[in-house]
Amino acid sequence: MLVLAFVLLIAGTAVSLENISFSGAQGIIYSPGYPGDYGNQLNQYYVITVDQGYYIRLTLYDFETEACCDKLYMWNGVDTTQSTIANVSGDATGQVFSSTGPVMMLLFSTDITGQDRGFAIHYEMVLANTEYEAPNTCQSGLVTSGMGFVTSPEWPSSYPNDITCDYLMAMPKGRTCIIGNRSGKQTDRTPTGRDYSRCWAIWILTPGYVFLKASYH
């Protein structure tokens, strides 16, 4: 009986991972193992710190967890005894949250059973006492990270009419570039009926580069 009780105690103990800190003007936060499934019994903390005089805006680029039991908790500052900004679980892709100051704490906590792919969350700093304005232009620059997201202008809001965006993605030679929407399905419609970007052309420019042209109507 003592051995059985000891085994059950170990099985019910959550694993606390090392805190992950972010301090740039913007970035992307991934759940453990993303885009693969996260593990069970995890407590993963994230601390976001931006410049004084700014607040933090989070956009859930992709979010899918076990709705009942695997949750992301958000706080202003690092005092987790205070009320949370939000507790998020299930399918929450496209939702947006903001802090009131330059520091934000997140905790991703999972239970003993059930897994999903987790999340990819974009954060950015916004000048205090101002309303956030989504850029109505295309994303610019060269995409070089091993994994990332290309979003339509003003996402997750509706994109503007009559705009064409060019995206250039670089990868090491011998690697393959896989492009798809967040669900991995071949579709050109969102759950609300709006168009996804339509890829009029995808081709290899030179070894290691992919050019993507998307047109929004």
Protein backbone atom coordinates (compact mmCIF):
# COMPACT_ATOMS: atom_id res chain seq x y z
CA MET A 1 0.00 0.00 0.00
CA LEU A 2 2.87 2.39 0.78
CA VAL A 3 4.48 1.68 -2.58
CA LEU A 4 1.21 2.25 -4.41
CA ALA A 5 0.65 5.57 -2.63
CA PHE A 6 4.17 6.69 -3.54
CA VAL A 7 3.68 5.85 -7.23
CA LEU A 8 0.40 7.76 -7.37
CA LEU A 9 2.02 10.77 -5.73
CA ILE A 10 4.77 10.88 -8.35
CA ALA A 11 2.30 10.43 -11.21
CA GLY A 12 0.25 13.39 -9.99
CA THR A 13 3.15 15.86 -9.74
CA ALA A 14 3.35 18.50 -12.46
CA VAL A 15 6.70 19.25 -14.08
CA SER A 16 7.78 22.88 -13.62
CA LEU A 17 9.92 23.95 -16.56
CA GLU A 18 12.49 26.74 -16.56
CA ASN A 19 10.94 30.17 -17.05
CA ILE A 20 11.24 31.61 -20.56
CA SER A 21 11.78 35.37 -20.85
CA PHE A 22 11.10 37.76 -23.74
CA SER A 23 12.29 41.36 -23.91
CA GLY A 24 12.23 42.48 -27.54
CA ALA A 25 9.75 44.87 -29.12
CA GLN A 26 7.90 41.87 -30.54
CA GLY A 27 8.23 38.11 -30.85
CA ILE A 28 6.44 34.77 -30.97
CA ILE A 29 5.84 32.53 -27.97
CA TYR A 30 5.45 28.79 -28.56
CA SER A 31 4.07 26.09 -26.29
CA PRO A 32 6.48 23.22 -25.49
CA GLY A 33 6.93 21.01 -28.55
CA TYR A 34 4.90 23.21 -30.92
CA PRO A 35 3.72 22.45 -33.60
CA GLY A 36 3.79 18.94 -32.18
CA ASP A 37 1.68 18.05 -29.16
CA TYR A 38 2.68 19.45 -25.77
CA GLY A 39 3.23 17.09 -22.85
CA ASN A 40 1.07 16.30 -19.84
CA GLN A 41 1.56 17.72 -16.33
CA LEU A 42 3.47 20.82 -17.40
CA ASN A 43 3.81 24.19 -15.72
CA GLN A 44 5.56 26.50 -18.17
CA TYR A 45 5.97 30.17 -17.25
CA TYR A 46 6.70 32.96 -19.73
CA VAL A 47 7.69 36.50 -18.71
CA ILE A 48 7.38 39.33 -21.25
CA THR A 49 9.10 42.66 -20.50
CA VAL A 50 9.00 45.68 -22.81
CA ASP A 51 10.13 49.29 -22.44
CA GLN A 52 8.62 51.58 -19.82
CA GLY A 53 5.81 53.67 -21.27
CA TYR A 54 4.46 50.77 -23.33
CA TYR A 55 1.99 47.95 -22.82
CA ILE A 56 1.89 44.44 -24.31
CA ARG A 57 -0.58 43.17 -26.88
CA LEU A 58 -0.96 39.42 -27.49
CA THR A 59 -2.46 37.92 -30.64
CA LEU A 60 -3.14 34.17 -30.63
CA TYR A 61 -1.82 33.18 -34.07
CA ASP A 62 -2.66 29.54 -33.35
CA PHE A 63 -4.24 28.16 -30.18
CA GLU A 64 -5.64 24.67 -29.63
CA THR A 65 -5.57 22.96 -26.22
CA GLU A 66 -7.67 20.47 -24.27
CA ALA A 67 -10.63 22.71 -23.47
CA CYS A 68 -11.38 21.40 -20.00
CA CYS A 69 -8.00 21.17 -18.45
CA ASP A 70 -5.00 22.61 -20.34
CA LYS A 71 -5.05 26.37 -19.85
CA LEU A 72 -3.00 29.49 -20.44
CA TYR A 73 -3.20 32.02 -17.60
CA MET A 74 -2.24 35.69 -18.10
CA TRP A 75 -1.33 38.31 -15.48
CA ASN A 76 -0.34 41.95 -15.43
CA GLY A 77 3.15 41.98 -13.93
CA VAL A 78 4.64 38.93 -12.24
CA ASP A 79 2.43 38.71 -9.15
CA THR A 80 0.41 35.55 -9.74
CA THR A 81 -1.64 36.10 -6.58
CA GLN A 82 -3.52 38.87 -8.39
CA SER A 83 -6.52 38.32 -10.67
CA THR A 84 -5.71 37.11 -14.16
CA ILE A 85 -6.31 39.06 -17.35
CA ALA A 86 -7.70 35.87 -18.89
CA ASN A 87 -7.67 32.08 -18.66
CA VAL A 88 -7.68 30.60 -22.16
CA SER A 89 -8.22 27.03 -23.40
CA GLY A 90 -9.75 25.12 -26.30
CA ASP A 91 -9.80 26.72 -29.76
CA ALA A 92 -8.92 30.40 -29.26
CA THR A 93 -7.07 31.24 -32.47
CA GLY A 94 -7.40 34.92 -33.38
CA GLN A 95 -8.22 36.18 -29.89
CA VAL A 96 -6.38 39.28 -28.65
CA PHE A 97 -5.39 40.32 -25.10
CA SER A 98 -3.53 43.30 -23.66
CA SER A 99 -1.70 44.14 -20.45
CA THR A 100 -1.94 47.48 -18.67
CA GLY A 101 1.81 47.85 -18.22
CA PRO A 102 5.21 46.80 -19.59
CA VAL A 103 5.40 43.38 -17.89
CA MET A 104 3.22 40.32 -18.38
CA MET A 105 3.36 36.80 -16.92
CA LEU A 106 1.93 33.75 -18.68
CA LEU A 107 1.51 30.23 -17.29
CA PHE A 108 0.67 27.24 -19.45
CA SER A 109 -0.57 24.44 -17.21
CA THR A 110 -1.62 20.97 -18.40
CA ASP A 111 -3.25 18.07 -16.60
CA ILE A 112 -2.44 14.36 -16.49
CA THR A 113 -4.26 13.32 -19.69
CA GLY A 114 -5.11 14.75 -23.10
CA GLN A 115 -2.84 16.69 -25.45
CA ASP A 116 -3.04 18.99 -28.46
CA ARG A 117 -0.70 21.11 -30.57
CA GLY A 118 -0.74 24.06 -28.17
CA PHE A 119 -0.11 27.60 -29.31
CA ALA A 120 1.91 30.20 -31.14
CA ILE A 121 1.32 33.69 -29.72
CA HIS A 122 2.59 36.93 -31.19
CA TYR A 123 3.40 39.71 -28.73
CA GLU A 124 4.28 43.33 -29.45
CA MET A 125 4.68 46.49 -27.45
CA VAL A 126 2.26 49.39 -27.92
CA LEU A 127 2.72 52.98 -26.72
CA ALA A 128 0.83 53.56 -23.47
CA ASN A 129 -2.42 55.53 -23.57
CA THR A 130 -2.89 54.83 -27.28
CA GLU A 131 -5.20 52.50 -29.16
CA TYR A 132 -3.55 49.72 -31.11
CA GLU A 133 -3.70 50.19 -34.87
CA ALA A 134 -3.14 47.09 -36.97
CA PRO A 135 -0.86 47.74 -39.95
CA ASN A 136 -2.88 47.86 -43.17
CA THR A 137 0.15 47.06 -45.28
CA CYS A 138 1.90 43.81 -46.11
CA GLN A 139 4.47 42.28 -43.82
CA SER A 140 7.91 43.26 -45.02
CA GLY A 141 11.36 41.76 -44.86
CA LEU A 142 12.94 38.38 -45.36
CA VAL A 143 11.61 35.46 -43.31
CA THR A 144 14.59 33.36 -42.16
CA SER A 145 13.47 31.55 -39.00
CA GLY A 146 12.95 27.79 -39.06
CA MET A 147 9.26 28.20 -38.27
CA GLY A 148 6.99 31.21 -38.41
CA PHE A 149 3.78 32.83 -39.58
CA VAL A 150 2.82 35.04 -42.50
CA THR A 151 -0.39 36.95 -41.84
CA SER A 152 -2.67 39.00 -44.03
CA PRO A 153 -2.80 42.78 -43.36
CA GLU A 154 -4.79 43.68 -40.21
CA TRP A 155 -5.12 40.01 -39.17
CA PRO A 156 -7.09 38.79 -37.15
CA SER A 157 -9.44 41.53 -38.40
CA SER A 158 -10.63 41.53 -42.01
CA TYR A 159 -7.96 42.42 -44.56
CA PRO A 160 -8.34 45.51 -46.80
CA ASN A 161 -9.49 45.30 -50.41
CA ASP A 162 -7.28 45.29 -53.50
CA ILE A 163 -3.88 44.61 -51.98
CA THR A 164 -1.15 42.22 -53.11
CA CYS A 165 1.62 41.06 -50.77
CA ASP A 166 4.98 39.50 -51.60
CA TYR A 167 6.75 37.33 -49.03
CA LEU A 168 10.28 35.94 -49.33
CA MET A 169 11.30 32.97 -47.17
CA ALA A 170 14.84 31.63 -46.89
CA MET A 171 15.92 28.19 -45.70
CA PRO A 172 19.15 26.16 -45.62
CA LYS A 173 20.02 24.27 -48.79
CA GLY A 174 18.54 20.80 -48.89
CA ARG A 175 15.56 21.74 -46.72
CA THR A 176 11.91 21.74 -47.80
CA CYS A 177 9.52 24.64 -47.26
CA ILE A 178 5.97 23.64 -46.27
CA ILE A 179 3.30 26.33 -46.55
CA GLY A 180 -0.26 25.96 -45.29
CA ASN A 181 -2.95 27.51 -43.14
CA ARG A 182 -3.01 27.04 -39.38
CA SER A 183 -5.16 23.88 -39.53
CA GLY A 184 -2.98 22.23 -42.16
CA LYS A 185 -6.00 21.66 -44.41
CA GLN A 186 -6.30 22.65 -48.05
CA THR A 187 -8.91 25.40 -47.87
CA ASP A 188 -9.35 28.98 -48.94
CA ARG A 189 -12.15 29.93 -46.55
CA THR A 190 -12.07 30.91 -42.89
CA PRO A 191 -14.68 29.62 -40.41
CA THR A 192 -16.48 32.97 -40.84
CA GLY A 193 -16.57 32.65 -44.62
CA ARG A 194 -13.83 35.16 -45.38
CA ASP A 195 -11.07 34.30 -47.83
CA TYR A 196 -7.67 33.14 -46.75
CA SER A 197 -4.83 34.43 -48.86
CA ARG A 198 -4.96 32.89 -52.31
CA CYS A 199 -1.55 31.80 -53.47
CA TRP A 200 -1.43 32.84 -57.10
CA ALA A 201 2.14 31.66 -57.43
CA ILE A 202 4.67 29.76 -55.33
CA TRP A 203 8.02 28.94 -56.89
CA ILE A 204 11.70 28.50 -56.16
CA LEU A 205 13.71 31.63 -56.94
CA THR A 206 17.16 30.24 -56.19
CA PRO A 207 18.32 27.25 -54.14
CA GLY A 208 17.10 27.83 -50.63
CA TYR A 209 14.54 30.58 -51.34
CA VAL A 210 10.76 30.52 -51.78
CA PHE A 211 8.70 33.43 -53.07
CA LEU A 212 5.00 33.67 -52.15
CA LYS A 213 2.57 36.11 -53.72
CA ALA A 214 -0.84 36.55 -52.08
CA SER A 215 -3.68 38.64 -53.47
CA TYR A 216 -6.62 39.83 -51.34
CA HIS A 217 -9.89 41.00 -52.94
